[in-house]
Amino acid sequence: MSESGTVKAARVIERINIARRLLNVREAAQYLGRTEKSVRHLVGRRKLRSVRADGRVMLDLSDLDAWIAMYRC
């Protein structure tokens, strides 16, 4: 029996320290339940907003939540 998406998301948040607002691509992929490649693809196609600084791509938790809400059935 697998964990529900909510439980998985809660565990990811615990691991990345909820006080942080920006996540790297790996953390964002875990949060969304997708692969890093998939997240990079979404960022590249501008389907997912990102913050770029010093050669790093970071994603805001509120943008990830907005993306989830947009595709909720």
C-alpha atoms as a PDB file:
ATOM      1  CA  MET A   1       0.000   0.000   0.000  1.00  0.00           C
ATOM      2  CA  SER A   2       1.528   3.314  -1.024  1.00  0.00           C
ATOM      3  CA  GLU A   3       1.481   6.581   0.843  1.00  0.00           C
ATOM      4  CA  SER A   4      -1.038   9.208  -0.135  1.00  0.00           C
ATOM      5  CA  GLY A   5       0.239  12.267  -2.004  1.00  0.00           C
ATOM      6  CA  THR A   6      -0.457  14.455   1.009  1.00  0.00           C
ATOM      7  CA  VAL A   7       1.663  12.302   3.306  1.00  0.00           C
ATOM      8  CA  LYS A   8       4.513  12.211   0.764  1.00  0.00           C
ATOM      9  CA  ALA A   9       4.399  16.001   0.355  1.00  0.00           C
ATOM     10  CA  ALA A  10       4.461  16.456   4.128  1.00  0.00           C
ATOM     11  CA  ARG A  11       7.543  14.273   4.399  1.00  0.00           C
ATOM     12  CA  VAL A  12       9.298  16.178   1.611  1.00  0.00           C
ATOM     13  CA  ILE A  13       8.517  19.470   3.346  1.00  0.00           C
ATOM     14  CA  GLU A  14       9.919  18.129   6.610  1.00  0.00           C
ATOM     15  CA  ARG A  15      13.137  17.086   4.868  1.00  0.00           C
ATOM     16  CA  ILE A  16      13.664  20.425   3.123  1.00  0.00           C
ATOM     17  CA  ASN A  17      12.876  22.545   6.167  1.00  0.00           C
ATOM     18  CA  ILE A  18       9.569  24.353   5.716  1.00  0.00           C
ATOM     19  CA  ALA A  19      11.135  27.688   6.664  1.00  0.00           C
ATOM     20  CA  ARG A  20      12.832  27.813   3.244  1.00  0.00           C
ATOM     21  CA  ARG A  21      10.792  29.409   0.494  1.00  0.00           C
ATOM     22  CA  LEU A  22      12.940  28.517  -2.516  1.00  0.00           C
ATOM     23  CA  LEU A  23      13.635  24.934  -3.559  1.00  0.00           C
ATOM     24  CA  ASN A  24      16.213  23.627  -5.980  1.00  0.00           C
ATOM     25  CA  VAL A  25      15.105  21.465  -8.911  1.00  0.00           C
ATOM     26  CA  ARG A  26      15.625  18.187  -7.025  1.00  0.00           C
ATOM     27  CA  GLU A  27      13.551  19.348  -4.054  1.00  0.00           C
ATOM     28  CA  ALA A  28      10.841  20.761  -6.331  1.00  0.00           C
ATOM     29  CA  ALA A  29      10.666  17.451  -8.204  1.00  0.00           C
ATOM     30  CA  GLN A  30      10.207  15.580  -4.920  1.00  0.00           C
ATOM     31  CA  TYR A  31       7.557  18.074  -3.817  1.00  0.00           C
ATOM     32  CA  LEU A  32       5.629  17.639  -7.084  1.00  0.00           C
ATOM     33  CA  GLY A  33       6.170  13.889  -7.331  1.00  0.00           C
ATOM     34  CA  ARG A  34       7.906  14.272 -10.702  1.00  0.00           C
ATOM     35  CA  THR A  35      11.391  13.723 -12.068  1.00  0.00           C
ATOM     36  CA  GLU A  36      14.064  16.417 -12.136  1.00  0.00           C
ATOM     37  CA  LYS A  37      14.046  16.198 -15.936  1.00  0.00           C
ATOM     38  CA  SER A  38      10.292  16.823 -15.976  1.00  0.00           C
ATOM     39  CA  VAL A  39      10.641  19.890 -13.735  1.00  0.00           C
ATOM     40  CA  ARG A  40      13.455  21.270 -15.915  1.00  0.00           C
ATOM     41  CA  HIS A  41      11.249  20.716 -18.966  1.00  0.00           C
ATOM     42  CA  LEU A  42       8.356  22.606 -17.342  1.00  0.00           C
ATOM     43  CA  VAL A  43      10.694  25.474 -16.411  1.00  0.00           C
ATOM     44  CA  GLY A  44      12.188  25.586 -19.907  1.00  0.00           C
ATOM     45  CA  ARG A  45       8.755  25.739 -21.520  1.00  0.00           C
ATOM     46  CA  ARG A  46       7.737  28.416 -18.997  1.00  0.00           C
ATOM     47  CA  LYS A  47       4.927  26.275 -17.619  1.00  0.00           C
ATOM     48  CA  LEU A  48       6.502  26.593 -14.186  1.00  0.00           C
ATOM     49  CA  ARG A  49       7.962  29.876 -12.925  1.00  0.00           C
ATOM     50  CA  SER A  50      11.501  29.920 -11.611  1.00  0.00           C
ATOM     51  CA  VAL A  51      14.053  32.188  -9.989  1.00  0.00           C
ATOM     52  CA  ARG A  52      17.483  32.154 -11.609  1.00  0.00           C
ATOM     53  CA  ALA A  53      20.523  33.471  -9.819  1.00  0.00           C
ATOM     54  CA  ASP A  54      24.227  32.679 -10.045  1.00  0.00           C
ATOM     55  CA  GLY A  55      23.582  29.899 -12.555  1.00  0.00           C
ATOM     56  CA  ARG A  56      21.116  28.133 -10.269  1.00  0.00           C
ATOM     57  CA  VAL A  57      17.439  27.500 -10.894  1.00  0.00           C
ATOM     58  CA  MET A  58      15.224  27.806  -7.828  1.00  0.00           C
ATOM     59  CA  LEU A  59      11.468  27.388  -7.540  1.00  0.00           C
ATOM     60  CA  ASP A  60       9.194  29.202  -5.118  1.00  0.00           C
ATOM     61  CA  LEU A  61       6.894  27.006  -3.013  1.00  0.00           C
ATOM     62  CA  SER A  62       3.946  29.320  -3.719  1.00  0.00           C
ATOM     63  CA  ASP A  63       4.498  28.915  -7.486  1.00  0.00           C
ATOM     64  CA  LEU A  64       4.583  25.137  -7.104  1.00  0.00           C
ATOM     65  CA  ASP A  65       1.354  25.236  -5.110  1.00  0.00           C
ATOM     66  CA  ALA A  66      -0.244  27.474  -7.754  1.00  0.00           C
ATOM     67  CA  TRP A  67       0.791  25.020 -10.483  1.00  0.00           C
ATOM     68  CA  ILE A  68      -0.742  22.140  -8.514  1.00  0.00           C
ATOM     69  CA  ALA A  69      -3.980  24.098  -8.033  1.00  0.00           C
ATOM     70  CA  MET A  70      -4.140  24.933 -11.750  1.00  0.00           C
ATOM     71  CA  TYR A  71      -4.151  21.238 -12.690  1.00  0.00           C
ATOM     72  CA  ARG A  72      -6.344  19.977  -9.874  1.00  0.00           C
ATOM     73  CA  CYS A  73      -9.434  18.097 -11.100  1.00  0.00           C
END
